[in-house]
C-alpha atoms as a PDB file:
ATOM      1  CA  MET A   1      -4.006 169.142 129.482  1.00  0.00           C
ATOM      2  CA  ASP A   2      -0.971 167.624 131.198  1.00  0.00           C
ATOM      3  CA  HIS A   3      -1.548 166.404 134.796  1.00  0.00           C
ATOM      4  CA  HIS A   4       1.203 167.284 137.201  1.00  0.00           C
ATOM      5  CA  PRO A   5       1.415 165.140 140.287  1.00  0.00           C
ATOM      6  CA  ASN A   6       0.947 166.783 143.629  1.00  0.00           C
ATOM      7  CA  LYS A   7       3.766 166.781 146.072  1.00  0.00           C
ATOM      8  CA  ASN A   8       1.571 164.825 148.382  1.00  0.00           C
ATOM      9  CA  GLU A   9       1.083 162.219 145.752  1.00  0.00           C
ATOM     10  CA  ALA A  10       4.707 161.773 145.242  1.00  0.00           C
ATOM     11  CA  LYS A  11       5.912 158.236 146.095  1.00  0.00           C
ATOM     12  CA  LYS A  12       7.057 158.024 149.510  1.00  0.00           C
ATOM     13  CA  PRO A  13      10.129 155.978 150.233  1.00  0.00           C
ATOM     14  CA  SER A  14       9.426 152.633 151.957  1.00  0.00           C
ATOM     15  CA  LYS A  15      10.817 152.000 155.474  1.00  0.00           C
ATOM     16  CA  PRO A  16      13.585 149.528 155.714  1.00  0.00           C
ATOM     17  CA  LEU A  17      12.473 145.991 156.801  1.00  0.00           C
ATOM     18  CA  THR A  18      13.143 145.058 160.365  1.00  0.00           C
ATOM     19  CA  LEU A  19      13.601 141.684 161.836  1.00  0.00           C
ATOM     20  CA  ASN A  20      10.131 141.749 163.328  1.00  0.00           C
ATOM     21  CA  GLN A  21       8.458 142.899 160.054  1.00  0.00           C
ATOM     22  CA  SER A  22       9.633 139.870 157.888  1.00  0.00           C
ATOM     23  CA  PRO A  23       8.106 136.487 159.156  1.00  0.00           C
ATOM     24  CA  SER A  24      10.386 134.567 156.749  1.00  0.00           C
ATOM     25  CA  SER A  25      13.580 136.143 158.113  1.00  0.00           C
ATOM     26  CA  PRO A  26      15.700 133.892 160.239  1.00  0.00           C
ATOM     27  CA  ILE A  27      16.136 134.748 163.923  1.00  0.00           C
ATOM     28  CA  ILE A  28      19.675 135.688 164.445  1.00  0.00           C
ATOM     29  CA  ASN A  29      21.168 135.356 168.011  1.00  0.00           C
ATOM     30  CA  PRO A  30      22.753 138.717 168.677  1.00  0.00           C
ATOM     31  CA  ASN A  31      25.227 136.989 170.910  1.00  0.00           C
ATOM     32  CA  PRO A  32      26.506 133.762 169.185  1.00  0.00           C
ATOM     33  CA  ASN A  33      28.676 132.779 172.146  1.00  0.00           C
ATOM     34  CA  HIS A  34      25.674 132.463 174.473  1.00  0.00           C
ATOM     35  CA  SER A  35      23.997 129.000 174.415  1.00  0.00           C
ATOM     36  CA  ASN A  36      20.372 128.356 175.137  1.00  0.00           C
ATOM     37  CA  PRO A  37      19.668 127.496 178.810  1.00  0.00           C
ATOM     38  CA  ILE A  38      18.650 123.859 179.625  1.00  0.00           C
ATOM     39  CA  PRO A  39      15.006 123.673 180.643  1.00  0.00           C
ATOM     40  CA  THR A  40      14.351 123.064 184.298  1.00  0.00           C
ATOM     41  CA  ARG A  41      12.326 119.980 183.547  1.00  0.00           C
ATOM     42  CA  HIS A  42      15.388 118.277 181.985  1.00  0.00           C
ATOM     43  CA  VAL A  43      17.585 119.202 185.059  1.00  0.00           C
ATOM     44  CA  CYS A  44      15.047 117.583 187.408  1.00  0.00           C
ATOM     45  CA  CYS A  45      15.113 114.344 185.251  1.00  0.00           C
ATOM     46  CA  ILE A  46      18.843 114.129 185.294  1.00  0.00           C
ATOM     47  CA  VAL A  47      19.012 114.680 189.006  1.00  0.00           C
ATOM     48  CA  CYS A  48      16.358 112.079 189.566  1.00  0.00           C
ATOM     49  CA  LEU A  49      18.090 109.442 187.462  1.00  0.00           C
ATOM     50  CA  ALA A  50      21.389 110.178 189.246  1.00  0.00           C
ATOM     51  CA  SER A  51      19.658 109.664 192.635  1.00  0.00           C
ATOM     52  CA  ILE A  52      18.022 106.455 191.609  1.00  0.00           C
ATOM     53  CA  SER A  53      21.240 105.044 190.252  1.00  0.00           C
ATOM     54  CA  ILE A  54      23.180 105.933 193.474  1.00  0.00           C
ATOM     55  CA  PHE A  55      20.421 104.417 195.617  1.00  0.00           C
ATOM     56  CA  ALA A  56      20.237 101.293 193.565  1.00  0.00           C
ATOM     57  CA  GLY A  57      23.988 100.815 193.551  1.00  0.00           C
ATOM     58  CA  THR A  58      24.164 101.375 197.399  1.00  0.00           C
ATOM     59  CA  LEU A  59      21.347  98.927 197.904  1.00  0.00           C
ATOM     60  CA  ILE A  60      22.987  96.232 195.830  1.00  0.00           C
ATOM     61  CA  LEU A  61      26.304  96.715 197.608  1.00  0.00           C
ATOM     62  CA  ILE A  62      24.537  96.412 201.035  1.00  0.00           C
ATOM     63  CA  LEU A  63      22.567  93.299 200.059  1.00  0.00           C
ATOM     64  CA  SER A  64      25.712  91.736 198.611  1.00  0.00           C
ATOM     65  CA  LEU A  65      27.513  92.152 201.882  1.00  0.00           C
ATOM     66  CA  THR A  66      24.636  91.017 204.089  1.00  0.00           C
ATOM     67  CA  ILE A  67      21.636  89.008 202.824  1.00  0.00           C
ATOM     68  CA  PHE A  68      23.122  87.911 199.499  1.00  0.00           C
ATOM     69  CA  LYS A  69      26.559  87.020 201.004  1.00  0.00           C
ATOM     70  CA  LEU A  70      26.930  83.264 200.663  1.00  0.00           C
ATOM     71  CA  LYS A  71      27.924  81.551 203.994  1.00  0.00           C
ATOM     72  CA  ASP A  72      29.279  78.092 204.817  1.00  0.00           C
ATOM     73  CA  PRO A  73      26.765  75.445 205.734  1.00  0.00           C
ATOM     74  CA  SER A  74      27.539  73.598 208.872  1.00  0.00           C
ATOM     75  CA  LEU A  75      27.751  69.924 209.901  1.00  0.00           C
ATOM     76  CA  ILE A  76      27.026  68.693 213.438  1.00  0.00           C
ATOM     77  CA  MET A  77      27.312  65.133 214.694  1.00  0.00           C
ATOM     78  CA  ASN A  78      24.355  64.876 216.990  1.00  0.00           C
ATOM     79  CA  GLN A  79      24.778  61.316 218.245  1.00  0.00           C
ATOM     80  CA  ILE A  80      26.113  57.872 217.418  1.00  0.00           C
ATOM     81  CA  ASN A  81      24.078  54.912 218.628  1.00  0.00           C
ATOM     82  CA  ILE A  82      25.009  51.244 218.609  1.00  0.00           C
ATOM     83  CA  THR A  83      21.972  49.175 217.420  1.00  0.00           C
ATOM     84  CA  HIS A  84      23.318  45.673 217.356  1.00  0.00           C
ATOM     85  CA  PHE A  85      26.275  43.762 218.776  1.00  0.00           C
ATOM     86  CA  ASP A  86      27.257  40.129 219.236  1.00  0.00           C
ATOM     87  CA  MET A  87      30.459  38.312 219.788  1.00  0.00           C
ATOM     88  CA  THR A  88      31.046  34.519 219.736  1.00  0.00           C
ATOM     89  CA  LEU A  89      33.968  32.108 220.100  1.00  0.00           C
ATOM     90  CA  VAL A  90      34.564  29.897 217.095  1.00  0.00           C
ATOM     91  CA  LYS A  91      37.143  27.257 216.351  1.00  0.00           C
ATOM     92  CA  ASN A  92      39.141  28.427 213.301  1.00  0.00           C
ATOM     93  CA  ASN A  93      41.952  30.770 212.507  1.00  0.00           C
ATOM     94  CA  HIS A  94      39.891  33.618 213.884  1.00  0.00           C
ATOM     95  CA  PRO A  95      38.858  32.535 217.329  1.00  0.00           C
ATOM     96  CA  ILE A  96      36.538  35.491 217.840  1.00  0.00           C
ATOM     97  CA  SER A  97      33.737  36.613 215.524  1.00  0.00           C
ATOM     98  CA  ALA A  98      31.820  39.806 216.224  1.00  0.00           C
ATOM     99  CA  ASN A  99      29.211  41.959 214.453  1.00  0.00           C
ATOM    100  CA  LEU A 100      28.628  45.667 215.289  1.00  0.00           C
ATOM    101  CA  SER A 101      25.895  47.887 213.773  1.00  0.00           C
ATOM    102  CA  LEU A 102      25.458  51.490 214.510  1.00  0.00           C
ATOM    103  CA  ILE A 103      23.528  54.616 213.242  1.00  0.00           C
ATOM    104  CA  THR A 104      24.824  58.167 213.222  1.00  0.00           C
ATOM    105  CA  ASN A 105      22.663  61.219 213.108  1.00  0.00           C
ATOM    106  CA  ILE A 106      24.037  64.372 211.491  1.00  0.00           C
ATOM    107  CA  SER A 107      22.564  67.862 211.257  1.00  0.00           C
ATOM    108  CA  LEU A 108      23.216  69.889 208.077  1.00  0.00           C
ATOM    109  CA  ARG A 109      22.335  73.599 208.531  1.00  0.00           C
ATOM    110  CA  ASN A 110      22.032  76.124 205.728  1.00  0.00           C
ATOM    111  CA  PRO A 111      22.444  79.786 206.792  1.00  0.00           C
ATOM    112  CA  ASN A 112      21.855  81.192 203.284  1.00  0.00           C
ATOM    113  CA  ILE A 113      18.853  82.872 201.618  1.00  0.00           C
ATOM    114  CA  ALA A 114      19.076  80.311 198.838  1.00  0.00           C
ATOM    115  CA  SER A 115      18.685  76.500 199.146  1.00  0.00           C
ATOM    116  CA  PHE A 116      21.751  74.223 199.509  1.00  0.00           C
ATOM    117  CA  LYS A 117      21.599  71.249 197.210  1.00  0.00           C
ATOM    118  CA  PHE A 118      23.959  68.328 198.008  1.00  0.00           C
ATOM    119  CA  ASP A 119      25.019  65.119 196.238  1.00  0.00           C
ATOM    120  CA  ASN A 120      25.161  61.614 197.610  1.00  0.00           C
ATOM    121  CA  SER A 121      27.320  61.688 200.738  1.00  0.00           C
ATOM    122  CA  THR A 122      29.832  59.145 202.155  1.00  0.00           C
ATOM    123  CA  THR A 123      30.662  58.173 205.691  1.00  0.00           C
ATOM    124  CA  GLU A 124      33.563  55.901 206.309  1.00  0.00           C
ATOM    125  CA  PHE A 125      34.894  54.295 209.501  1.00  0.00           C
ATOM    126  CA  TYR A 126      38.537  53.285 210.052  1.00  0.00           C
ATOM    127  CA  TYR A 127      40.523  51.384 212.643  1.00  0.00           C
ATOM    128  CA  LYS A 128      44.316  52.043 212.319  1.00  0.00           C
ATOM    129  CA  GLU A 129      43.866  53.160 208.695  1.00  0.00           C
ATOM    130  CA  LYS A 130      41.964  49.949 207.765  1.00  0.00           C
ATOM    131  CA  MET A 131      38.487  50.695 206.545  1.00  0.00           C
ATOM    132  CA  ILE A 132      35.926  48.637 208.678  1.00  0.00           C
ATOM    133  CA  GLY A 133      32.691  50.246 207.374  1.00  0.00           C
ATOM    134  CA  VAL A 134      31.181  52.481 204.837  1.00  0.00           C
ATOM    135  CA  ALA A 135      27.681  53.935 204.317  1.00  0.00           C
ATOM    136  CA  TYR A 136      25.975  56.186 201.776  1.00  0.00           C
ATOM    137  CA  ALA A 137      23.374  58.780 202.227  1.00  0.00           C
ATOM    138  CA  PRO A 138      21.161  60.019 199.361  1.00  0.00           C
ATOM    139  CA  TYR A 139      21.211  63.433 197.777  1.00  0.00           C
ATOM    140  CA  GLY A 140      18.983  66.088 199.035  1.00  0.00           C
ATOM    141  CA  LYS A 141      18.251  69.848 199.514  1.00  0.00           C
ATOM    142  CA  VAL A 142      18.268  72.060 202.531  1.00  0.00           C
ATOM    143  CA  ARG A 143      15.950  75.085 202.177  1.00  0.00           C
ATOM    144  CA  ALA A 144      17.033  78.629 203.116  1.00  0.00           C
ATOM    145  CA  TYR A 145      17.739  79.055 206.810  1.00  0.00           C
ATOM    146  CA  LYS A 146      16.711  75.520 207.610  1.00  0.00           C
ATOM    147  CA  THR A 147      18.353  72.400 209.135  1.00  0.00           C
ATOM    148  CA  THR A 148      17.945  68.844 207.902  1.00  0.00           C
ATOM    149  CA  GLU A 149      18.980  65.664 209.595  1.00  0.00           C
ATOM    150  CA  ILE A 150      20.818  62.876 207.854  1.00  0.00           C
ATOM    151  CA  ASN A 151      20.769  59.373 209.380  1.00  0.00           C
ATOM    152  CA  VAL A 152      23.488  56.949 208.287  1.00  0.00           C
ATOM    153  CA  MET A 153      23.310  53.297 209.214  1.00  0.00           C
ATOM    154  CA  MET A 154      26.226  50.813 208.758  1.00  0.00           C
ATOM    155  CA  ASP A 155      27.721  47.475 209.852  1.00  0.00           C
ATOM    156  CA  LEU A 156      31.393  47.534 211.056  1.00  0.00           C
ATOM    157  CA  LEU A 157      33.680  44.674 210.196  1.00  0.00           C
ATOM    158  CA  MET A 158      34.788  43.953 213.799  1.00  0.00           C
ATOM    159  CA  ASP A 159      36.859  40.979 212.688  1.00  0.00           C
ATOM    160  CA  ARG A 160      39.474  43.446 211.256  1.00  0.00           C
ATOM    161  CA  ILE A 161      39.704  44.876 214.833  1.00  0.00           C
ATOM    162  CA  LEU A 162      39.897  41.489 216.545  1.00  0.00           C
ATOM    163  CA  GLU A 163      42.771  40.459 214.514  1.00  0.00           C
ATOM    164  CA  ASP A 164      44.946  42.623 216.736  1.00  0.00           C
ATOM    165  CA  PHE A 165      43.800  40.910 220.058  1.00  0.00           C
ATOM    166  CA  PRO A 166      44.491  37.403 221.201  1.00  0.00           C
ATOM    167  CA  SER A 167      41.257  35.608 222.038  1.00  0.00           C
ATOM    168  CA  ILE A 168      42.265  35.475 225.742  1.00  0.00           C
ATOM    169  CA  ASN A 169      42.489  39.245 225.879  1.00  0.00           C
ATOM    170  CA  VAL A 170      39.198  39.800 224.127  1.00  0.00           C
ATOM    171  CA  LEU A 171      37.422  38.278 227.078  1.00  0.00           C
ATOM    172  CA  ARG A 172      38.370  41.284 229.081  1.00  0.00           C
ATOM    173  CA  GLU A 173      37.048  44.804 228.303  1.00  0.00           C
ATOM    174  CA  LYS A 174      39.057  46.707 225.707  1.00  0.00           C
ATOM    175  CA  ASP A 175      38.909  50.227 224.475  1.00  0.00           C
ATOM    176  CA  VAL A 176      39.242  50.658 220.728  1.00  0.00           C
ATOM    177  CA  ASN A 177      39.813  53.930 219.008  1.00  0.00           C
ATOM    178  CA  LEU A 178      37.930  54.397 215.732  1.00  0.00           C
ATOM    179  CA  THR A 179      37.953  57.271 213.241  1.00  0.00           C
ATOM    180  CA  SER A 180      35.170  58.372 210.816  1.00  0.00           C
ATOM    181  CA  PHE A 181      35.183  60.618 207.823  1.00  0.00           C
ATOM    182  CA  THR A 182      32.057  62.216 206.225  1.00  0.00           C
ATOM    183  CA  ASP A 183      32.199  63.852 202.943  1.00  0.00           C
ATOM    184  CA  ILE A 184      29.399  66.018 201.434  1.00  0.00           C
ATOM    185  CA  LYS A 185      29.570  68.143 198.324  1.00  0.00           C
ATOM    186  CA  GLY A 186      26.955  70.525 197.259  1.00  0.00           C
ATOM    187  CA  ARG A 187      26.185  74.020 195.832  1.00  0.00           C
ATOM    188  CA  VAL A 188      24.319  77.252 196.520  1.00  0.00           C
ATOM    189  CA  ASN A 189      22.810  79.153 193.590  1.00  0.00           C
ATOM    190  CA  LEU A 190      21.183  82.479 194.311  1.00  0.00           C
ATOM    191  CA  LEU A 191      19.214  83.961 191.257  1.00  0.00           C
ATOM    192  CA  GLY A 192      21.794  82.549 188.940  1.00  0.00           C
ATOM    193  CA  VAL A 193      24.207  85.433 189.971  1.00  0.00           C
ATOM    194  CA  TYR A 194      25.789  84.287 193.214  1.00  0.00           C
ATOM    195  CA  LYS A 195      27.031  80.667 192.824  1.00  0.00           C
ATOM    196  CA  ARG A 196      29.311  78.713 195.008  1.00  0.00           C
ATOM    197  CA  GLU A 197      30.464  75.097 195.114  1.00  0.00           C
ATOM    198  CA  ILE A 198      30.830  73.886 198.680  1.00  0.00           C
ATOM    199  CA  HIS A 199      32.726  70.741 200.026  1.00  0.00           C
ATOM    200  CA  LEU A 200      31.906  69.857 203.703  1.00  0.00           C
ATOM    201  CA  VAL A 201      34.121  67.376 205.663  1.00  0.00           C
ATOM    202  CA  MET A 202      33.770  66.074 209.174  1.00  0.00           C
ATOM    203  CA  ASN A 203      36.209  64.006 211.028  1.00  0.00           C
ATOM    204  CA  CYS A 204      35.409  62.102 214.227  1.00  0.00           C
ATOM    205  CA  VAL A 205      37.281  60.140 216.811  1.00  0.00           C
ATOM    206  CA  ILE A 206      35.270  57.460 218.581  1.00  0.00           C
ATOM    207  CA  ILE A 207      36.151  55.315 221.601  1.00  0.00           C
ATOM    208  CA  ILE A 208      34.381  52.074 221.958  1.00  0.00           C
ATOM    209  CA  GLY A 209      34.711  49.812 224.942  1.00  0.00           C
ATOM    210  CA  PHE A 210      33.758  46.232 224.265  1.00  0.00           C
ATOM    211  CA  SER A 211      34.036  42.809 225.915  1.00  0.00           C
ATOM    212  CA  LEU A 212      32.465  39.431 225.093  1.00  0.00           C
ATOM    213  CA  LYS A 213      29.213  40.284 226.637  1.00  0.00           C
ATOM    214  CA  GLU A 214      28.703  43.988 225.733  1.00  0.00           C
ATOM    215  CA  VAL A 215      29.814  47.067 223.863  1.00  0.00           C
ATOM    216  CA  GLU A 216      29.750  50.689 224.939  1.00  0.00           C
ATOM    217  CA  LEU A 217      30.267  53.969 223.201  1.00  0.00           C
ATOM    218  CA  LYS A 218      32.441  55.902 225.659  1.00  0.00           C
ATOM    219  CA  ARG A 219      33.369  59.105 223.816  1.00  0.00           C
ATOM    220  CA  SER A 220      33.156  60.831 220.553  1.00  0.00           C
ATOM    221  CA  LEU A 221      34.753  64.075 219.345  1.00  0.00           C
ATOM    222  CA  CYS A 222      33.931  65.495 215.893  1.00  0.00           C
ATOM    223  CA  GLU A 223      35.181  68.507 213.915  1.00  0.00           C
ATOM    224  CA  ALA A 224      33.636  69.727 210.706  1.00  0.00           C
ATOM    225  CA  TYR A 225      35.047  72.276 208.217  1.00  0.00           C
ATOM    226  CA  VAL A 226      34.806  73.443 204.654  1.00  0.00           C
ATOM    227  CA  SER A 227      37.404  72.032 202.368  1.00  0.00           C
END
């Protein structure tokens, strides 16, 4: 006998699949023009990095204009002392013979945060554009914010001065104007970033009074500058 299916047993139509029912279905953004918002954590990181960059740039600018700004070292002539002098009468073409030795004390000040290294320096003495003495000082280094002293000793060729005076006039006290020239070259190097070559020059005018018996340093005026 044939079996007739019951109405209840009839195949029910299946429901259409929805987006939530199929795990393999791709998620479709209902609004393609709307982008995903940036997470708050990323925004904080960007703000922090920008703040650090601004702070670092400002700090570097301030330091470069203050502490890291390279300044000119300074030269000061502290004193000039005569250490030896003698004058005698001789019987030849130069009736007067004289010897004069002196020592100069110079201060070299470094106002920078880095050391100032300088080469061998030279000090020259002149009388009417004729060189009458020269001395050399060794190279050295002045540490940051420190001052060092340089002593220069030399003998002056007084015979070149006495050539201008007859022997009879030398017996009386005479004033002689001398000039000196000091030349120091060096450099400042800060962290290999801030570098500068520096040339220091000092000119002096010195008045010496001398006679057959004695010599006296009367006045001296010095001026230093960066060449």
